[in-house]
Amino acid sequence: MKRPCVYILASKPYGTLYVGVTSDLPHRMAQHDQGLIDGFTKKYRVKTLVYYEMHETMDAAIVREKRLKRWQRTWKYRLIEQMNPEWSNLVDAATGEIEFGSIDAPNLVPDSPSNLDGSPPTRG
């Protein structure tokens, strides 16, 4: 699945979160799982994939990653719960081992105020 992607890893439900971006989600998840990426995720054992969204371009994915990194923790929790209320590890679905389909980036219309100001997701 070589497509720009923003993802959120968690140490446990409602635990430590990490927001990242990649062009190859299966490869990046293998790196996190094997502890090959030094830094925050390795130090805090943050490697459960709880959320991801696909983007058309890497530029769009990077913009979204930066926006999510500015969000309050509770906003990120709500975003995760919309896609993954059980806080399950989505790595099999995301890497194609289970047929799940791609999760396209939600609500990324350029003129949408909720996406330009970093406001939280709403329950729909």
PDB file of N, CA and C in Angstrom:
ATOM      1  N   MET A   1       0.838  -1.165   0.000  1.00  0.00           N
ATOM      2  CA  MET A   1       0.000   0.000   0.000  1.00  0.00           C
ATOM      3  C   MET A   1       0.890   1.237   0.000  1.00  0.00           C
ATOM      4  N   LYS A   2       1.454   1.563  -1.126  1.00  0.00           N
ATOM      5  CA  LYS A   2       2.288   2.765  -1.208  1.00  0.00           C
ATOM      6  C   LYS A   2       1.395   3.933  -1.590  1.00  0.00           C
ATOM      7  N   ARG A   3       0.942   4.604  -0.558  1.00  0.00           N
ATOM      8  CA  ARG A   3       0.085   5.768  -0.720  1.00  0.00           C
ATOM      9  C   ARG A   3       0.289   6.641   0.514  1.00  0.00           C
ATOM     10  N   PRO A   4       0.373   7.954   0.340  1.00  0.00           N
ATOM     11  CA  PRO A   4       0.576   8.818   1.501  1.00  0.00           C
ATOM     12  C   PRO A   4      -0.488   8.583   2.571  1.00  0.00           C
ATOM     13  N   CYS A   5      -0.029   8.536   3.798  1.00  0.00           N
ATOM     14  CA  CYS A   5      -0.901   8.150   4.894  1.00  0.00           C
ATOM     15  C   CYS A   5      -0.496   8.864   6.180  1.00  0.00           C
ATOM     16  N   VAL A   6      -1.488   9.301   6.936  1.00  0.00           N
ATOM     17  CA  VAL A   6      -1.283   9.816   8.285  1.00  0.00           C
ATOM     18  C   VAL A   6      -1.782   8.729   9.222  1.00  0.00           C
ATOM     19  N   TYR A   7      -1.064   8.492  10.291  1.00  0.00           N
ATOM     20  CA  TYR A   7      -1.464   7.423  11.203  1.00  0.00           C
ATOM     21  C   TYR A   7      -1.263   7.853  12.645  1.00  0.00           C
ATOM     22  N   ILE A   8      -2.006   7.188  13.534  1.00  0.00           N
ATOM     23  CA  ILE A   8      -1.854   7.426  14.968  1.00  0.00           C
ATOM     24  C   ILE A   8      -1.581   6.087  15.637  1.00  0.00           C
ATOM     25  N   LEU A   9      -0.515   6.058  16.420  1.00  0.00           N
ATOM     26  CA  LEU A   9      -0.171   4.893  17.228  1.00  0.00           C
ATOM     27  C   LEU A   9      -0.507   5.204  18.683  1.00  0.00           C
ATOM     28  N   ALA A  10      -0.826   4.155  19.442  1.00  0.00           N
ATOM     29  CA  ALA A  10      -1.112   4.316  20.869  1.00  0.00           C
ATOM     30  C   ALA A  10      -0.367   3.254  21.658  1.00  0.00           C
ATOM     31  N   SER A  11      -0.037   3.591  22.897  1.00  0.00           N
ATOM     32  CA  SER A  11       0.605   2.620  23.788  1.00  0.00           C
ATOM     33  C   SER A  11      -0.439   1.678  24.378  1.00  0.00           C
ATOM     34  N   LYS A  12      -1.666   2.189  24.538  1.00  0.00           N
ATOM     35  CA  LYS A  12      -2.813   1.441  25.061  1.00  0.00           C
ATOM     36  C   LYS A  12      -4.022   2.346  24.854  1.00  0.00           C
ATOM     37  N   PRO A  13      -5.246   1.852  25.037  1.00  0.00           N
ATOM     38  CA  PRO A  13      -6.397   2.745  24.899  1.00  0.00           C
ATOM     39  C   PRO A  13      -6.269   3.946  25.838  1.00  0.00           C
ATOM     40  N   TYR A  14      -6.449   5.115  25.281  1.00  0.00           N
ATOM     41  CA  TYR A  14      -6.355   6.383  26.007  1.00  0.00           C
ATOM     42  C   TYR A  14      -4.976   6.602  26.622  1.00  0.00           C
ATOM     43  N   GLY A  15      -3.972   5.985  26.037  1.00  0.00           N
ATOM     44  CA  GLY A  15      -2.601   6.126  26.525  1.00  0.00           C
ATOM     45  C   GLY A  15      -1.828   7.149  25.711  1.00  0.00           C
ATOM     46  N   THR A  16      -0.527   6.946  25.653  1.00  0.00           N
ATOM     47  CA  THR A  16       0.362   7.821  24.902  1.00  0.00           C
ATOM     48  C   THR A  16       0.075   7.670  23.414  1.00  0.00           C
ATOM     49  N   LEU A  17       0.017   8.797  22.697  1.00  0.00           N
ATOM     50  CA  LEU A  17      -0.269   8.798  21.265  1.00  0.00           C
ATOM     51  C   LEU A  17       0.918   9.342  20.480  1.00  0.00           C
ATOM     52  N   TYR A  18       1.041   8.849  19.258  1.00  0.00           N
ATOM     53  CA  TYR A  18       2.043   9.358  18.326  1.00  0.00           C
ATOM     54  C   TYR A  18       1.368   9.548  16.976  1.00  0.00           C
ATOM     55  N   VAL A  19       1.515  10.714  16.381  1.00  0.00           N
ATOM     56  CA  VAL A  19       0.981  11.006  15.053  1.00  0.00           C
ATOM     57  C   VAL A  19       2.148  11.010  14.079  1.00  0.00           C
ATOM     58  N   GLY A  20       2.015  10.254  12.994  1.00  0.00           N
ATOM     59  CA  GLY A  20       3.081  10.179  12.006  1.00  0.00           C
ATOM     60  C   GLY A  20       2.550  10.214  10.588  1.00  0.00           C
ATOM     61  N   VAL A  21       3.466  10.283   9.632  1.00  0.00           N
ATOM     62  CA  VAL A  21       3.124  10.295   8.216  1.00  0.00           C
ATOM     63  C   VAL A  21       4.108   9.387   7.491  1.00  0.00           C
ATOM     64  N   THR A  22       3.637   8.724   6.447  1.00  0.00           N
ATOM     65  CA  THR A  22       4.492   7.827   5.671  1.00  0.00           C
ATOM     66  C   THR A  22       3.915   7.652   4.275  1.00  0.00           C
ATOM     67  N   SER A  23       4.744   7.198   3.360  1.00  0.00           N
ATOM     68  CA  SER A  23       4.261   6.850   2.025  1.00  0.00           C
ATOM     69  C   SER A  23       4.093   5.341   1.881  1.00  0.00           C
ATOM     70  N   ASP A  24       4.490   4.590   2.899  1.00  0.00           N
ATOM     71  CA  ASP A  24       4.414   3.126   2.851  1.00  0.00           C
ATOM     72  C   ASP A  24       4.039   2.603   4.239  1.00  0.00           C
ATOM     73  N   LEU A  25       2.744   2.559   4.522  1.00  0.00           N
ATOM     74  CA  LEU A  25       2.276   2.202   5.858  1.00  0.00           C
ATOM     75  C   LEU A  25       2.696   0.798   6.298  1.00  0.00           C
ATOM     76  N   PRO A  26       2.579  -0.228   5.469  1.00  0.00           N
ATOM     77  CA  PRO A  26       3.014  -1.556   5.935  1.00  0.00           C
ATOM     78  C   PRO A  26       4.480  -1.583   6.365  1.00  0.00           C
ATOM     79  N   HIS A  27       5.339  -0.956   5.578  1.00  0.00           N
ATOM     80  CA  HIS A  27       6.767  -0.918   5.908  1.00  0.00           C
ATOM     81  C   HIS A  27       7.004  -0.153   7.208  1.00  0.00           C
ATOM     82  N   ARG A  28       6.345   1.002   7.360  1.00  0.00           N
ATOM     83  CA  ARG A  28       6.527   1.808   8.564  1.00  0.00           C
ATOM     84  C   ARG A  28       6.015   1.073   9.799  1.00  0.00           C
ATOM     85  N   MET A  29       4.905   0.358   9.678  1.00  0.00           N
ATOM     86  CA  MET A  29       4.382  -0.382  10.832  1.00  0.00           C
ATOM     87  C   MET A  29       5.340  -1.505  11.232  1.00  0.00           C
ATOM     88  N   ALA A  30       5.953  -2.150  10.258  1.00  0.00           N
ATOM     89  CA  ALA A  30       6.952  -3.185  10.565  1.00  0.00           C
ATOM     90  C   ALA A  30       8.143  -2.564  11.294  1.00  0.00           C
ATOM     91  N   GLN A  31       8.566  -1.377  10.863  1.00  0.00           N
ATOM     92  CA  GLN A  31       9.681  -0.691  11.532  1.00  0.00           C
ATOM     93  C   GLN A  31       9.336  -0.377  12.987  1.00  0.00           C
ATOM     94  N   HIS A  32       8.140   0.157  13.218  1.00  0.00           N
ATOM     95  CA  HIS A  32       7.720   0.466  14.592  1.00  0.00           C
ATOM     96  C   HIS A  32       7.639  -0.814  15.420  1.00  0.00           C
ATOM     97  N   ASP A  33       7.048  -1.854  14.855  1.00  0.00           N
ATOM     98  CA  ASP A  33       6.857  -3.109  15.587  1.00  0.00           C
ATOM     99  C   ASP A  33       8.186  -3.740  15.996  1.00  0.00           C
ATOM    100  N   GLN A  34       9.182  -3.638  15.124  1.00  0.00           N
ATOM    101  CA  GLN A  34      10.485  -4.247  15.392  1.00  0.00           C
ATOM    102  C   GLN A  34      11.425  -3.313  16.161  1.00  0.00           C
ATOM    103  N   GLY A  35      10.948  -2.120  16.507  1.00  0.00           N
ATOM    104  CA  GLY A  35      11.771  -1.181  17.266  1.00  0.00           C
ATOM    105  C   GLY A  35      12.923  -0.605  16.472  1.00  0.00           C
ATOM    106  N   LEU A  36      12.761  -0.510  15.154  1.00  0.00           N
ATOM    107  CA  LEU A  36      13.843  -0.027  14.297  1.00  0.00           C
ATOM    108  C   LEU A  36      13.917   1.497  14.212  1.00  0.00           C
ATOM    109  N   ILE A  37      12.889   2.176  14.700  1.00  0.00           N
ATOM    110  CA  ILE A  37      12.873   3.634  14.654  1.00  0.00           C
ATOM    111  C   ILE A  37      13.165   4.152  16.056  1.00  0.00           C
ATOM    112  N   ASP A  38      14.355   4.719  16.230  1.00  0.00           N
ATOM    113  CA  ASP A  38      14.718   5.282  17.529  1.00  0.00           C
ATOM    114  C   ASP A  38      13.895   6.538  17.791  1.00  0.00           C
ATOM    115  N   GLY A  39      13.680   6.818  19.043  1.00  0.00           N
ATOM    116  CA  GLY A  39      12.973   8.036  19.408  1.00  0.00           C
ATOM    117  C   GLY A  39      11.744   7.762  20.249  1.00  0.00           C
ATOM    118  N   PHE A  40      10.764   8.632  20.093  1.00  0.00           N
ATOM    119  CA  PHE A  40       9.576   8.647  20.936  1.00  0.00           C
ATOM    120  C   PHE A  40       8.841   7.310  20.969  1.00  0.00           C
ATOM    121  N   THR A  41       8.537   6.759  19.787  1.00  0.00           N
ATOM    122  CA  THR A  41       7.733   5.529  19.757  1.00  0.00           C
ATOM    123  C   THR A  41       8.459   4.352  20.396  1.00  0.00           C
ATOM    124  N   LYS A  42       9.742   4.279  20.203  1.00  0.00           N
ATOM    125  CA  LYS A  42      10.517   3.192  20.809  1.00  0.00           C
ATOM    126  C   LYS A  42      10.626   3.387  22.317  1.00  0.00           C
ATOM    127  N   LYS A  43      10.918   4.607  22.736  1.00  0.00           N
ATOM    128  CA  LYS A  43      11.093   4.907  24.155  1.00  0.00           C
ATOM    129  C   LYS A  43       9.822   4.631  24.958  1.00  0.00           C
ATOM    130  N   TYR A  44       8.667   5.005  24.396  1.00  0.00           N
ATOM    131  CA  TYR A  44       7.412   4.874  25.128  1.00  0.00           C
ATOM    132  C   TYR A  44       6.575   3.664  24.693  1.00  0.00           C
ATOM    133  N   ARG A  45       7.165   2.805  23.859  1.00  0.00           N
ATOM    134  CA  ARG A  45       6.499   1.582  23.387  1.00  0.00           C
ATOM    135  C   ARG A  45       5.131   1.878  22.769  1.00  0.00           C
ATOM    136  N   VAL A  46       5.118   2.851  21.906  1.00  0.00           N
ATOM    137  CA  VAL A  46       3.899   3.261  21.220  1.00  0.00           C
ATOM    138  C   VAL A  46       3.905   2.592  19.853  1.00  0.00           C
ATOM    139  N   LYS A  47       3.169   1.479  19.715  1.00  0.00           N
ATOM    140  CA  LYS A  47       3.212   0.787  18.426  1.00  0.00           C
ATOM    141  C   LYS A  47       1.910   0.133  18.000  1.00  0.00           C
ATOM    142  N   THR A  48       0.808   0.446  18.661  1.00  0.00           N
ATOM    143  CA  THR A  48      -0.486  -0.079  18.242  1.00  0.00           C
ATOM    144  C   THR A  48      -1.135   0.917  17.288  1.00  0.00           C
ATOM    145  N   LEU A  49      -1.381   0.490  16.055  1.00  0.00           N
ATOM    146  CA  LEU A  49      -2.003   1.354  15.051  1.00  0.00           C
ATOM    147  C   LEU A  49      -3.499   1.451  15.349  1.00  0.00           C
ATOM    148  N   VAL A  50      -3.942   2.629  15.788  1.00  0.00           N
ATOM    149  CA  VAL A  50      -5.343   2.798  16.167  1.00  0.00           C
ATOM    150  C   VAL A  50      -6.124   3.683  15.196  1.00  0.00           C
ATOM    151  N   TYR A  51      -5.425   4.362  14.283  1.00  0.00           N
ATOM    152  CA  TYR A  51      -6.098   5.236  13.328  1.00  0.00           C
ATOM    153  C   TYR A  51      -5.176   5.464  12.139  1.00  0.00           C
ATOM    154  N   TYR A  52      -5.773   5.537  10.953  1.00  0.00           N
ATOM    155  CA  TYR A  52      -5.011   5.937   9.774  1.00  0.00           C
ATOM    156  C   TYR A  52      -5.951   6.497   8.735  1.00  0.00           C
ATOM    157  N   GLU A  53      -5.418   7.351   7.884  1.00  0.00           N
ATOM    158  CA  GLU A  53      -6.184   7.900   6.777  1.00  0.00           C
ATOM    159  C   GLU A  53      -5.256   8.085   5.586  1.00  0.00           C
ATOM    160  N   MET A  54      -5.785   7.768   4.407  1.00  0.00           N
ATOM    161  CA  MET A  54      -5.014   7.845   3.179  1.00  0.00           C
ATOM    162  C   MET A  54      -5.217   9.214   2.524  1.00  0.00           C
ATOM    163  N   HIS A  55      -4.183   9.666   1.821  1.00  0.00           N
ATOM    164  CA  HIS A  55      -4.240  10.955   1.135  1.00  0.00           C
ATOM    165  C   HIS A  55      -3.784  10.780  -0.306  1.00  0.00           C
ATOM    166  N   GLU A  56      -4.198  11.708  -1.141  1.00  0.00           N
ATOM    167  CA  GLU A  56      -3.819  11.655  -2.552  1.00  0.00           C
ATOM    168  C   GLU A  56      -2.366  12.055  -2.766  1.00  0.00           C
ATOM    169  N   THR A  57      -1.866  12.990  -1.961  1.00  0.00           N
ATOM    170  CA  THR A  57      -0.491  13.459  -2.123  1.00  0.00           C
ATOM    171  C   THR A  57       0.218  13.479  -0.770  1.00  0.00           C
ATOM    172  N   MET A  58       1.525  13.415  -0.809  1.00  0.00           N
ATOM    173  CA  MET A  58       2.302  13.502   0.423  1.00  0.00           C
ATOM    174  C   MET A  58       2.170  14.896   1.035  1.00  0.00           C
ATOM    175  N   ASP A  59       2.088  15.925   0.205  1.00  0.00           N
ATOM    176  CA  ASP A  59       1.906  17.277   0.738  1.00  0.00           C
ATOM    177  C   ASP A  59       0.638  17.363   1.578  1.00  0.00           C
ATOM    178  N   ALA A  60      -0.457  16.793   1.084  1.00  0.00           N
ATOM    179  CA  ALA A  60      -1.722  16.808   1.837  1.00  0.00           C
ATOM    180  C   ALA A  60      -1.587  16.020   3.135  1.00  0.00           C
ATOM    181  N   ALA A  61      -0.889  14.905   3.083  1.00  0.00           N
ATOM    182  CA  ALA A  61      -0.692  14.087   4.285  1.00  0.00           C
ATOM    183  C   ALA A  61       0.133  14.841   5.330  1.00  0.00           C
ATOM    184  N   ILE A  62       1.153  15.540   4.891  1.00  0.00           N
ATOM    185  CA  ILE A  62       2.002  16.295   5.822  1.00  0.00           C
ATOM    186  C   ILE A  62       1.218  17.438   6.462  1.00  0.00           C
ATOM    187  N   VAL A  63       0.401  18.122   5.673  1.00  0.00           N
ATOM    188  CA  VAL A  63      -0.436  19.196   6.221  1.00  0.00           C
ATOM    189  C   VAL A  63      -1.358  18.631   7.295  1.00  0.00           C
ATOM    190  N   ARG A  64      -1.986  17.499   6.999  1.00  0.00           N
ATOM    191  CA  ARG A  64      -2.901  16.875   7.964  1.00  0.00           C
ATOM    192  C   ARG A  64      -2.145  16.418   9.217  1.00  0.00           C
ATOM    193  N   GLU A  65      -0.961  15.827   9.041  1.00  0.00           N
ATOM    194  CA  GLU A  65      -0.159  15.393  10.190  1.00  0.00           C
ATOM    195  C   GLU A  65       0.142  16.579  11.107  1.00  0.00           C
ATOM    196  N   LYS A  66       0.585  17.670  10.522  1.00  0.00           N
ATOM    197  CA  LYS A  66       0.913  18.854  11.329  1.00  0.00           C
ATOM    198  C   LYS A  66      -0.311  19.370  12.069  1.00  0.00           C
ATOM    199  N   ARG A  67      -1.456  19.340  11.393  1.00  0.00           N
ATOM    200  CA  ARG A  67      -2.691  19.799  12.025  1.00  0.00           C
ATOM    201  C   ARG A  67      -3.052  18.890  13.199  1.00  0.00           C
ATOM    202  N   LEU A  68      -2.990  17.578  12.994  1.00  0.00           N
ATOM    203  CA  LEU A  68      -3.334  16.639  14.067  1.00  0.00           C
ATOM    204  C   LEU A  68      -2.380  16.758  15.247  1.00  0.00           C
ATOM    205  N   LYS A  69      -1.126  17.042  14.977  1.00  0.00           N
ATOM    206  CA  LYS A  69      -0.155  17.191  16.065  1.00  0.00           C
ATOM    207  C   LYS A  69      -0.475  18.396  16.949  1.00  0.00           C
ATOM    208  N   ARG A  70      -1.196  19.373  16.402  1.00  0.00           N
ATOM    209  CA  ARG A  70      -1.585  20.549  17.193  1.00  0.00           C
ATOM    210  C   ARG A  70      -2.876  20.320  17.980  1.00  0.00           C
ATOM    211  N   TRP A  71      -3.594  19.275  17.646  1.00  0.00           N
ATOM    212  CA  TRP A  71      -4.867  19.004  18.315  1.00  0.00           C
ATOM    213  C   TRP A  71      -4.658  18.630  19.772  1.00  0.00           C
ATOM    214  N   GLN A  72      -5.659  18.937  20.579  1.00  0.00           N
ATOM    215  CA  GLN A  72      -5.679  18.480  21.961  1.00  0.00           C
ATOM    216  C   GLN A  72      -5.826  16.956  21.979  1.00  0.00           C
ATOM    217  N   ARG A  73      -5.333  16.348  23.014  1.00  0.00           N
ATOM    218  CA  ARG A  73      -5.407  14.892  23.162  1.00  0.00           C
ATOM    219  C   ARG A  73      -6.856  14.394  23.063  1.00  0.00           C
ATOM    220  N   THR A  74      -7.798  15.089  23.710  1.00  0.00           N
ATOM    221  CA  THR A  74      -9.193  14.632  23.687  1.00  0.00           C
ATOM    222  C   THR A  74      -9.768  14.656  22.277  1.00  0.00           C
ATOM    223  N   TRP A  75      -9.360  15.605  21.450  1.00  0.00           N
ATOM    224  CA  TRP A  75      -9.817  15.639  20.066  1.00  0.00           C
ATOM    225  C   TRP A  75      -9.306  14.411  19.315  1.00  0.00           C
ATOM    226  N   LYS A  76      -8.049  14.052  19.560  1.00  0.00           N
ATOM    227  CA  LYS A  76      -7.482  12.865  18.909  1.00  0.00           C
ATOM    228  C   LYS A  76      -8.216  11.612  19.374  1.00  0.00           C
ATOM    229  N   TYR A  77      -8.539  11.550  20.658  1.00  0.00           N
ATOM    230  CA  TYR A  77      -9.298  10.401  21.166  1.00  0.00           C
ATOM    231  C   TYR A  77     -10.627  10.270  20.432  1.00  0.00           C
ATOM    232  N   ARG A  78     -11.331  11.390  20.237  1.00  0.00           N
ATOM    233  CA  ARG A  78     -12.615  11.337  19.528  1.00  0.00           C
ATOM    234  C   ARG A  78     -12.439  10.886  18.084  1.00  0.00           C
ATOM    235  N   LEU A  79     -11.390  11.355  17.438  1.00  0.00           N
ATOM    236  CA  LEU A  79     -11.123  10.952  16.062  1.00  0.00           C
ATOM    237  C   LEU A  79     -10.886   9.447  15.992  1.00  0.00           C
ATOM    238  N   ILE A  80     -10.087   8.927  16.898  1.00  0.00           N
ATOM    239  CA  ILE A  80      -9.818   7.485  16.948  1.00  0.00           C
ATOM    240  C   ILE A  80     -11.108   6.718  17.185  1.00  0.00           C
ATOM    241  N   GLU A  81     -11.912   7.168  18.143  1.00  0.00           N
ATOM    242  CA  GLU A  81     -13.144   6.466  18.491  1.00  0.00           C
ATOM    243  C   GLU A  81     -14.140   6.423  17.341  1.00  0.00           C
ATOM    244  N   GLN A  82     -14.114   7.424  16.453  1.00  0.00           N
ATOM    245  CA  GLN A  82     -15.008   7.419  15.296  1.00  0.00           C
ATOM    246  C   GLN A  82     -14.685   6.264  14.356  1.00  0.00           C
ATOM    247  N   MET A  83     -13.425   5.972  14.179  1.00  0.00           N
ATOM    248  CA  MET A  83     -13.003   4.907  13.270  1.00  0.00           C
ATOM    249  C   MET A  83     -12.837   3.581  13.996  1.00  0.00           C
ATOM    250  N   ASN A  84     -12.409   3.635  15.235  1.00  0.00           N
ATOM    251  CA  ASN A  84     -11.960   2.437  15.936  1.00  0.00           C
ATOM    252  C   ASN A  84     -12.385   2.500  17.414  1.00  0.00           C
ATOM    253  N   PRO A  85     -13.685   2.374  17.685  1.00  0.00           N
ATOM    254  CA  PRO A  85     -14.165   2.534  19.062  1.00  0.00           C
ATOM    255  C   PRO A  85     -13.593   1.524  20.048  1.00  0.00           C
ATOM    256  N   GLU A  86     -13.127   0.393  19.563  1.00  0.00           N
ATOM    257  CA  GLU A  86     -12.546  -0.633  20.436  1.00  0.00           C
ATOM    258  C   GLU A  86     -11.045  -0.433  20.652  1.00  0.00           C
ATOM    259  N   TRP A  87     -10.463   0.538  19.976  1.00  0.00           N
ATOM    260  CA  TRP A  87      -9.024   0.782  20.039  1.00  0.00           C
ATOM    261  C   TRP A  87      -8.243  -0.479  19.634  1.00  0.00           C
ATOM    262  N   SER A  88      -8.773  -1.199  18.655  1.00  0.00           N
ATOM    263  CA  SER A  88      -8.110  -2.407  18.150  1.00  0.00           C
ATOM    264  C   SER A  88      -6.865  -2.032  17.361  1.00  0.00           C
ATOM    265  N   ASN A  89      -5.943  -2.982  17.247  1.00  0.00           N
ATOM    266  CA  ASN A  89      -4.765  -2.776  16.411  1.00  0.00           C
ATOM    267  C   ASN A  89      -5.190  -2.969  14.959  1.00  0.00           C
ATOM    268  N   LEU A  90      -5.106  -1.922  14.164  1.00  0.00           N
ATOM    269  CA  LEU A  90      -5.556  -1.938  12.775  1.00  0.00           C
ATOM    270  C   LEU A  90      -4.460  -2.330  11.801  1.00  0.00           C
ATOM    271  N   VAL A  91      -3.345  -2.807  12.294  1.00  0.00           N
ATOM    272  CA  VAL A  91      -2.205  -3.063  11.413  1.00  0.00           C
ATOM    273  C   VAL A  91      -2.538  -4.099  10.343  1.00  0.00           C
ATOM    274  N   ASP A  92      -3.269  -5.146  10.671  1.00  0.00           N
ATOM    275  CA  ASP A  92      -3.614  -6.144   9.658  1.00  0.00           C
ATOM    276  C   ASP A  92      -4.503  -5.545   8.575  1.00  0.00           C
ATOM    277  N   ALA A  93      -5.491  -4.765   8.984  1.00  0.00           N
ATOM    278  CA  ALA A  93      -6.374  -4.120   8.017  1.00  0.00           C
ATOM    279  C   ALA A  93      -5.606  -3.123   7.159  1.00  0.00           C
ATOM    280  N   ALA A  94      -4.753  -2.356   7.779  1.00  0.00           N
ATOM    281  CA  ALA A  94      -4.022  -1.311   7.062  1.00  0.00           C
ATOM    282  C   ALA A  94      -2.970  -1.875   6.123  1.00  0.00           C
ATOM    283  N   THR A  95      -2.415  -3.014   6.455  1.00  0.00           N
ATOM    284  CA  THR A  95      -1.361  -3.584   5.618  1.00  0.00           C
ATOM    285  C   THR A  95      -1.899  -4.596   4.623  1.00  0.00           C
ATOM    286  N   GLY A  96      -3.224  -4.749   4.571  1.00  0.00           N
ATOM    287  CA  GLY A  96      -3.829  -5.598   3.564  1.00  0.00           C
ATOM    288  C   GLY A  96      -3.936  -7.056   3.926  1.00  0.00           C
ATOM    289  N   GLU A  97      -3.557  -7.438   5.139  1.00  0.00           N
ATOM    290  CA  GLU A  97      -3.668  -8.833   5.534  1.00  0.00           C
ATOM    291  C   GLU A  97      -5.121  -9.220   5.763  1.00  0.00           C
ATOM    292  N   ILE A  98      -5.957  -8.238   6.055  1.00  0.00           N
ATOM    293  CA  ILE A  98      -7.397  -8.442   6.156  1.00  0.00           C
ATOM    294  C   ILE A  98      -8.028  -7.455   5.193  1.00  0.00           C
ATOM    295  N   GLU A  99      -8.998  -7.901   4.410  1.00  0.00           N
ATOM    296  CA  GLU A  99      -9.654  -7.000   3.472  1.00  0.00           C
ATOM    297  C   GLU A  99     -10.454  -5.968   4.253  1.00  0.00           C
ATOM    298  N   PHE A 100     -10.070  -4.725   4.159  1.00  0.00           N
ATOM    299  CA  PHE A 100     -10.687  -3.664   4.945  1.00  0.00           C
ATOM    300  C   PHE A 100     -10.985  -2.466   4.079  1.00  0.00           C
ATOM    301  N   GLY A 101     -10.284  -2.332   2.983  1.00  0.00           N
ATOM    302  CA  GLY A 101     -10.430  -1.155   2.150  1.00  0.00           C
ATOM    303  C   GLY A 101      -9.608  -0.014   2.699  1.00  0.00           C
ATOM    304  N   SER A 102      -9.434   0.993   1.912  1.00  0.00           N
ATOM    305  CA  SER A 102      -8.645   2.130   2.384  1.00  0.00           C
ATOM    306  C   SER A 102      -9.549   3.120   3.095  1.00  0.00           C
ATOM    307  N   ILE A 103      -8.989   3.757   4.070  1.00  0.00           N
ATOM    308  CA  ILE A 103      -9.699   4.792   4.804  1.00  0.00           C
ATOM    309  C   ILE A 103      -9.223   6.122   4.246  1.00  0.00           C
ATOM    310  N   ASP A 104     -10.103   6.796   3.515  1.00  0.00           N
ATOM    311  CA  ASP A 104      -9.714   8.084   2.958  1.00  0.00           C
ATOM    312  C   ASP A 104      -9.818   9.166   4.012  1.00  0.00           C
ATOM    313  N   ALA A 105      -9.021  10.177   3.829  1.00  0.00           N
ATOM    314  CA  ALA A 105      -8.980  11.280   4.783  1.00  0.00           C
ATOM    315  C   ALA A 105     -10.358  11.913   4.918  1.00  0.00           C
ATOM    316  N   PRO A 106     -10.839  12.065   6.144  1.00  0.00           N
ATOM    317  CA  PRO A 106     -12.164  12.645   6.344  1.00  0.00           C
ATOM    318  C   PRO A 106     -12.148  14.160   6.264  1.00  0.00           C
ATOM    319  N   ASN A 107     -13.188  14.699   5.676  1.00  0.00           N
ATOM    320  CA  ASN A 107     -13.445  16.141   5.739  1.00  0.00           C
ATOM    321  C   ASN A 107     -12.235  17.010   5.413  1.00  0.00           C
ATOM    322  N   LEU A 108     -11.620  16.783   4.279  1.00  0.00           N
ATOM    323  CA  LEU A 108     -10.452  17.590   3.938  1.00  0.00           C
ATOM    324  C   LEU A 108     -10.749  18.577   2.817  1.00  0.00           C
ATOM    325  N   VAL A 109     -11.973  19.088   2.794  1.00  0.00           N
ATOM    326  CA  VAL A 109     -12.344  20.090   1.812  1.00  0.00           C
ATOM    327  C   VAL A 109     -11.575  21.373   2.137  1.00  0.00           C
ATOM    328  N   PRO A 110     -10.830  21.935   1.161  1.00  0.00           N
ATOM    329  CA  PRO A 110      -9.960  23.074   1.446  1.00  0.00           C
ATOM    330  C   PRO A 110     -10.647  24.258   2.116  1.00  0.00           C
ATOM    331  N   ASP A 111     -11.924  24.525   1.777  1.00  0.00           N
ATOM    332  CA  ASP A 111     -12.566  25.702   2.356  1.00  0.00           C
ATOM    333  C   ASP A 111     -13.357  25.386   3.621  1.00  0.00           C
ATOM    334  N   SER A 112     -13.183  24.206   4.163  1.00  0.00           N
ATOM    335  CA  SER A 112     -13.889  23.831   5.382  1.00  0.00           C
ATOM    336  C   SER A 112     -13.193  24.428   6.599  1.00  0.00           C
ATOM    337  N   PRO A 113     -13.868  25.328   7.324  1.00  0.00           N
ATOM    338  CA  PRO A 113     -13.238  25.958   8.489  1.00  0.00           C
ATOM    339  C   PRO A 113     -12.767  24.944   9.524  1.00  0.00           C
ATOM    340  N   SER A 114     -13.475  23.841   9.673  1.00  0.00           N
ATOM    341  CA  SER A 114     -13.083  22.868  10.696  1.00  0.00           C
ATOM    342  C   SER A 114     -11.748  22.226  10.378  1.00  0.00           C
ATOM    343  N   ASN A 115     -11.312  22.326   9.138  1.00  0.00           N
ATOM    344  CA  ASN A 115     -10.029  21.737   8.780  1.00  0.00           C
ATOM    345  C   ASN A 115      -8.912  22.768   8.726  1.00  0.00           C
ATOM    346  N   LEU A 116      -9.259  24.003   8.601  1.00  0.00           N
ATOM    347  CA  LEU A 116      -8.233  25.030   8.504  1.00  0.00           C
ATOM    348  C   LEU A 116      -7.775  25.515   9.868  1.00  0.00           C
ATOM    349  N   ASP A 117      -8.656  25.463  10.857  1.00  0.00           N
ATOM    350  CA  ASP A 117      -8.284  26.003  12.163  1.00  0.00           C
ATOM    351  C   ASP A 117      -7.870  24.939  13.167  1.00  0.00           C
ATOM    352  N   GLY A 118      -7.854  23.686  12.760  1.00  0.00           N
ATOM    353  CA  GLY A 118      -7.431  22.630  13.672  1.00  0.00           C
ATOM    354  C   GLY A 118      -8.480  22.267  14.697  1.00  0.00           C
ATOM    355  N   SER A 119      -9.750  22.600  14.418  1.00  0.00           N
ATOM    356  CA  SER A 119     -10.800  22.294  15.382  1.00  0.00           C
ATOM    357  C   SER A 119     -11.038  20.787  15.445  1.00  0.00           C
ATOM    358  N   PRO A 120     -11.675  20.340  16.512  1.00  0.00           N
ATOM    359  CA  PRO A 120     -11.836  18.907  16.720  1.00  0.00           C
ATOM    360  C   PRO A 120     -12.854  18.303  15.772  1.00  0.00           C
ATOM    361  N   PRO A 121     -12.799  16.999  15.601  1.00  0.00           N
ATOM    362  CA  PRO A 121     -13.809  16.322  14.798  1.00  0.00           C
ATOM    363  C   PRO A 121     -15.139  16.341  15.540  1.00  0.00           C
ATOM    364  N   THR A 122     -16.215  16.260  14.800  1.00  0.00           N
ATOM    365  CA  THR A 122     -17.527  16.182  15.426  1.00  0.00           C
ATOM    366  C   THR A 122     -18.099  14.800  15.212  1.00  0.00           C
ATOM    367  N   ARG A 123     -18.900  14.386  16.134  1.00  0.00           N
ATOM    368  CA  ARG A 123     -19.562  13.086  15.971  1.00  0.00           C
ATOM    369  C   ARG A 123     -20.657  13.265  14.940  1.00  0.00           C
ATOM    370  N   GLY A 124     -20.696  12.334  13.989  1.00  0.00           N
ATOM    371  CA  GLY A 124     -21.657  12.502  12.928  1.00  0.00           C
ATOM    372  C   GLY A 124     -22.626  11.432  12.891  1.00  0.00           C
TER     373      GLY A 124
END
